[in-house]
N, C-alpha and C. Protein backbone atom coordinates (compact mmCIF):
# COMPACT_ATOMS: atom_id res chain seq x y z
N UNK A 1 26.10 9.73 20.01
CA UNK A 1 25.33 9.83 18.76
C UNK A 1 24.39 8.63 18.67
N UNK A 2 23.12 8.89 18.43
CA UNK A 2 22.16 7.81 18.28
C UNK A 2 22.05 7.40 16.82
N UNK A 3 21.71 6.13 16.65
CA UNK A 3 21.53 5.64 15.28
C UNK A 3 20.25 6.23 14.70
N UNK A 4 20.29 6.64 13.44
CA UNK A 4 19.06 7.15 12.82
C UNK A 4 18.08 6.00 12.58
N UNK A 5 16.82 6.35 12.54
CA UNK A 5 15.80 5.35 12.21
C UNK A 5 15.85 5.08 10.71
N UNK A 6 15.39 3.89 10.36
CA UNK A 6 15.36 3.46 8.96
C UNK A 6 13.93 3.03 8.63
N UNK A 7 13.43 3.53 7.50
CA UNK A 7 12.11 3.13 7.01
C UNK A 7 12.31 2.38 5.69
N UNK A 8 11.61 1.26 5.56
CA UNK A 8 11.63 0.46 4.33
C UNK A 8 10.22 0.47 3.76
N UNK A 9 10.07 0.93 2.51
CA UNK A 9 8.76 1.08 1.89
C UNK A 9 8.72 0.33 0.57
N UNK A 10 7.64 -0.41 0.35
CA UNK A 10 7.44 -1.08 -0.94
C UNK A 10 6.94 -0.04 -1.94
N UNK A 11 7.70 0.17 -3.02
CA UNK A 11 7.37 1.24 -3.97
C UNK A 11 6.91 0.73 -5.33
N UNK A 12 7.13 -0.55 -5.64
CA UNK A 12 6.72 -1.07 -6.95
C UNK A 12 6.72 -2.59 -6.91
N UNK A 13 5.96 -3.20 -7.80
CA UNK A 13 5.95 -4.66 -7.99
C UNK A 13 6.06 -4.92 -9.47
N UNK A 14 7.05 -5.71 -9.87
CA UNK A 14 7.31 -5.93 -11.30
C UNK A 14 7.12 -7.37 -11.75
N UNK A 15 6.96 -8.29 -10.83
CA UNK A 15 6.82 -9.69 -11.18
C UNK A 15 5.42 -10.03 -11.66
N UNK A 16 5.26 -11.22 -12.25
CA UNK A 16 3.96 -11.62 -12.79
C UNK A 16 2.95 -12.06 -11.72
N UNK A 17 3.39 -12.25 -10.48
CA UNK A 17 2.49 -12.72 -9.41
C UNK A 17 2.53 -11.76 -8.23
N UNK A 18 1.49 -11.78 -7.43
CA UNK A 18 1.46 -10.97 -6.21
C UNK A 18 2.45 -11.50 -5.20
N UNK A 19 2.70 -10.71 -4.21
CA UNK A 19 3.65 -11.06 -3.17
C UNK A 19 3.14 -12.22 -2.33
N UNK A 20 3.99 -13.22 -2.15
CA UNK A 20 3.61 -14.40 -1.36
C UNK A 20 3.42 -14.05 0.11
N UNK A 21 4.04 -12.97 0.55
CA UNK A 21 3.96 -12.54 1.95
C UNK A 21 2.81 -11.54 2.14
N UNK A 22 2.18 -11.10 1.05
CA UNK A 22 1.04 -10.19 1.14
C UNK A 22 1.41 -8.72 1.15
N UNK A 23 2.66 -8.39 0.89
CA UNK A 23 3.05 -6.98 0.86
C UNK A 23 2.39 -6.26 -0.31
N UNK A 24 2.00 -5.02 -0.07
CA UNK A 24 1.36 -4.19 -1.09
C UNK A 24 2.15 -2.89 -1.25
N UNK A 25 2.09 -2.30 -2.43
CA UNK A 25 2.75 -1.02 -2.67
C UNK A 25 2.25 -0.02 -1.64
N UNK A 26 3.18 0.69 -1.04
CA UNK A 26 2.86 1.68 -0.02
C UNK A 26 3.09 1.19 1.40
N UNK A 27 3.20 -0.13 1.59
CA UNK A 27 3.50 -0.65 2.93
C UNK A 27 4.87 -0.14 3.37
N UNK A 28 4.94 0.36 4.61
CA UNK A 28 6.20 0.86 5.17
C UNK A 28 6.47 0.17 6.49
N UNK A 29 7.75 -0.04 6.77
CA UNK A 29 8.16 -0.74 7.98
C UNK A 29 9.30 0.00 8.65
N UNK A 30 9.20 0.17 9.95
CA UNK A 30 10.30 0.69 10.74
C UNK A 30 11.28 -0.46 10.94
N UNK A 31 12.52 -0.28 10.52
CA UNK A 31 13.49 -1.36 10.57
C UNK A 31 13.69 -1.90 11.99
N UNK A 32 13.70 -1.02 12.97
CA UNK A 32 13.99 -1.45 14.34
C UNK A 32 12.82 -2.14 15.03
N UNK A 33 11.60 -1.75 14.72
CA UNK A 33 10.45 -2.30 15.45
C UNK A 33 9.55 -3.21 14.64
N UNK A 34 9.64 -3.17 13.30
CA UNK A 34 8.71 -3.94 12.46
C UNK A 34 9.40 -4.84 11.45
N UNK A 35 10.71 -5.01 11.56
CA UNK A 35 11.41 -5.79 10.53
C UNK A 35 10.94 -7.23 10.47
N UNK A 36 10.38 -7.77 11.55
CA UNK A 36 9.86 -9.13 11.54
C UNK A 36 8.64 -9.29 10.65
N UNK A 37 8.03 -8.19 10.28
CA UNK A 37 6.87 -8.22 9.40
C UNK A 37 7.27 -8.23 7.92
N UNK A 38 8.51 -7.90 7.65
CA UNK A 38 9.00 -7.85 6.28
C UNK A 38 9.44 -9.25 5.84
N UNK A 39 9.16 -9.59 4.61
CA UNK A 39 9.53 -10.89 4.06
C UNK A 39 11.01 -11.19 4.34
N UNK A 40 11.33 -12.38 4.84
CA UNK A 40 12.73 -12.71 5.14
C UNK A 40 13.65 -12.64 3.92
N UNK A 41 13.15 -12.97 2.74
CA UNK A 41 14.00 -12.87 1.55
C UNK A 41 14.35 -11.41 1.26
N UNK A 42 13.38 -10.52 1.36
CA UNK A 42 13.64 -9.10 1.14
C UNK A 42 14.55 -8.55 2.24
N UNK A 43 14.31 -8.98 3.48
CA UNK A 43 15.14 -8.51 4.59
C UNK A 43 16.60 -8.90 4.40
N UNK A 44 16.81 -10.09 3.87
CA UNK A 44 18.17 -10.56 3.62
C UNK A 44 18.91 -9.63 2.65
N UNK A 45 18.20 -9.15 1.64
CA UNK A 45 18.80 -8.24 0.67
C UNK A 45 18.94 -6.84 1.27
N UNK A 46 17.97 -6.42 2.07
CA UNK A 46 17.96 -5.07 2.62
C UNK A 46 19.06 -4.82 3.64
N UNK A 47 19.39 -5.83 4.43
CA UNK A 47 20.27 -5.61 5.57
C UNK A 47 21.60 -4.91 5.24
N UNK A 48 22.34 -5.32 4.21
CA UNK A 48 23.60 -4.60 3.93
C UNK A 48 23.39 -3.12 3.59
N UNK A 49 22.31 -2.81 2.88
CA UNK A 49 22.01 -1.42 2.56
C UNK A 49 21.68 -0.64 3.83
N UNK A 50 20.88 -1.23 4.71
CA UNK A 50 20.54 -0.58 5.98
C UNK A 50 21.81 -0.26 6.75
N UNK A 51 22.69 -1.23 6.86
CA UNK A 51 23.95 -1.03 7.60
C UNK A 51 24.77 0.11 6.99
N UNK A 52 24.89 0.12 5.68
CA UNK A 52 25.66 1.18 5.00
C UNK A 52 25.05 2.55 5.28
N UNK A 53 23.74 2.68 5.10
CA UNK A 53 23.08 3.97 5.28
C UNK A 53 23.08 4.42 6.74
N UNK A 54 22.80 3.50 7.63
CA UNK A 54 22.68 3.85 9.05
C UNK A 54 23.98 4.41 9.60
N UNK A 55 25.10 3.94 9.07
CA UNK A 55 26.38 4.38 9.61
C UNK A 55 27.09 5.39 8.71
N UNK A 56 26.29 6.11 7.89
CA UNK A 56 26.82 7.26 7.18
C UNK A 56 27.29 7.03 5.76
N UNK A 57 27.20 5.81 5.26
CA UNK A 57 27.62 5.54 3.89
C UNK A 57 26.56 5.94 2.88
N UNK A 58 26.89 5.76 1.63
CA UNK A 58 25.92 6.05 0.57
C UNK A 58 26.00 4.96 -0.49
N UNK A 59 24.94 4.83 -1.24
CA UNK A 59 24.83 3.82 -2.28
C UNK A 59 24.96 4.53 -3.63
N UNK A 60 25.96 4.19 -4.44
CA UNK A 60 26.12 4.84 -5.75
C UNK A 60 24.82 4.77 -6.56
N UNK A 61 24.47 5.89 -7.19
CA UNK A 61 23.29 5.94 -8.04
C UNK A 61 22.00 6.21 -7.30
N UNK A 62 22.05 6.33 -5.97
CA UNK A 62 20.87 6.63 -5.16
C UNK A 62 21.05 7.98 -4.48
N UNK A 63 19.93 8.65 -4.19
CA UNK A 63 20.00 9.91 -3.46
C UNK A 63 20.60 9.66 -2.08
N UNK A 64 21.30 10.64 -1.52
CA UNK A 64 21.87 10.46 -0.18
C UNK A 64 20.80 10.03 0.82
N UNK A 65 21.14 9.06 1.67
CA UNK A 65 20.20 8.59 2.69
C UNK A 65 19.16 7.62 2.18
N UNK A 66 19.31 7.15 0.94
CA UNK A 66 18.33 6.21 0.38
C UNK A 66 19.04 5.07 -0.36
N UNK A 67 18.29 3.99 -0.52
CA UNK A 67 18.71 2.87 -1.36
C UNK A 67 17.46 2.23 -1.91
N UNK A 68 17.52 1.79 -3.14
CA UNK A 68 16.41 1.06 -3.76
C UNK A 68 16.93 -0.34 -4.09
N UNK A 69 16.13 -1.34 -3.73
CA UNK A 69 16.51 -2.73 -3.99
C UNK A 69 15.25 -3.53 -4.28
N UNK A 70 15.43 -4.73 -4.81
CA UNK A 70 14.27 -5.60 -5.03
C UNK A 70 14.48 -6.93 -4.34
N UNK A 71 13.38 -7.57 -4.05
CA UNK A 71 13.44 -8.88 -3.42
C UNK A 71 13.93 -9.90 -4.46
N UNK A 72 14.49 -11.01 -4.01
CA UNK A 72 15.04 -11.98 -4.95
C UNK A 72 14.02 -12.95 -5.54
N UNK A 73 12.75 -12.81 -5.19
CA UNK A 73 11.72 -13.72 -5.70
C UNK A 73 11.34 -13.32 -7.12
N UNK A 74 11.76 -14.09 -8.09
CA UNK A 74 11.56 -13.75 -9.50
C UNK A 74 10.07 -13.69 -9.88
N UNK A 75 9.21 -14.39 -9.14
CA UNK A 75 7.77 -14.35 -9.43
C UNK A 75 7.13 -13.06 -8.94
N UNK A 76 7.76 -12.40 -7.98
CA UNK A 76 7.17 -11.22 -7.36
C UNK A 76 7.89 -9.93 -7.73
N UNK A 77 9.18 -9.89 -7.53
CA UNK A 77 10.05 -8.74 -7.76
C UNK A 77 9.47 -7.47 -7.13
N UNK A 78 9.33 -7.50 -5.82
CA UNK A 78 8.95 -6.30 -5.08
C UNK A 78 10.14 -5.35 -5.04
N UNK A 79 9.87 -4.07 -5.29
CA UNK A 79 10.91 -3.05 -5.26
C UNK A 79 10.69 -2.20 -4.00
N UNK A 80 11.73 -2.09 -3.18
CA UNK A 80 11.67 -1.37 -1.92
C UNK A 80 12.61 -0.18 -1.94
N UNK A 81 12.23 0.84 -1.14
CA UNK A 81 13.12 1.99 -0.90
C UNK A 81 13.44 2.02 0.59
N UNK A 82 14.71 2.16 0.89
CA UNK A 82 15.16 2.34 2.27
C UNK A 82 15.48 3.81 2.44
N UNK A 83 15.02 4.40 3.55
CA UNK A 83 15.29 5.81 3.82
C UNK A 83 15.81 5.97 5.24
N UNK A 84 16.81 6.82 5.39
CA UNK A 84 17.24 7.23 6.72
C UNK A 84 16.27 8.32 7.16
N UNK A 85 15.69 8.15 8.35
CA UNK A 85 14.74 9.12 8.89
C UNK A 85 15.47 9.98 9.92
N UNK A 86 15.57 11.25 9.65
CA UNK A 86 16.24 12.17 10.57
C UNK A 86 15.42 12.32 11.84
N UNK A 87 16.07 12.55 12.98
CA UNK A 87 15.38 12.60 14.27
C UNK A 87 14.17 13.51 14.32
N UNK A 88 14.20 14.68 13.70
CA UNK A 88 13.05 15.58 13.74
C UNK A 88 11.86 15.03 12.98
N UNK A 89 12.10 14.11 12.02
CA UNK A 89 11.00 13.48 11.28
C UNK A 89 10.33 12.38 12.09
N UNK A 90 11.02 11.83 13.09
CA UNK A 90 10.50 10.70 13.86
C UNK A 90 9.40 11.09 14.82
N UNK A 91 9.38 12.30 15.30
CA UNK A 91 8.43 12.69 16.31
C UNK A 91 7.00 12.50 15.81
N UNK A 92 6.26 11.68 16.55
CA UNK A 92 4.87 11.41 16.20
C UNK A 92 4.67 10.40 15.11
N UNK A 93 5.72 9.71 14.64
CA UNK A 93 5.59 8.72 13.58
C UNK A 93 5.68 7.31 14.12
N UNK A 94 4.98 7.02 15.17
CA UNK A 94 4.98 5.67 15.72
C UNK A 94 4.29 4.76 14.73
N UNK A 95 4.77 3.55 14.56
CA UNK A 95 4.13 2.58 13.67
C UNK A 95 4.09 3.07 12.23
N UNK A 96 5.15 2.92 11.52
CA UNK A 96 5.23 3.43 10.16
C UNK A 96 4.48 2.57 9.16
N UNK A 97 4.06 1.37 9.52
CA UNK A 97 3.42 0.48 8.57
C UNK A 97 2.10 1.07 8.09
N UNK A 98 1.89 1.07 6.79
CA UNK A 98 0.64 1.58 6.21
C UNK A 98 -0.41 0.50 6.20
């Protein structure tokens, strides 16, 4: 069994300042190939959710295969969605970053 791909997408910004890392709403990252482009603070929060979803778990209050979290930077408060990408969705989706 292969691990499913994971996509992390910035879906909202709630803080009073723009992202210090330059992330914009709609930016998407493939966890396996582009995680180095994601802010380290956000990645630190995302990792446990990625692990849970990738290995078949679910996050209470979220749709199956998804998790929503925010970065810990109180000035920015970027809101991200993590999605498990099923194998048939991966075909032709090289470079998920918008």
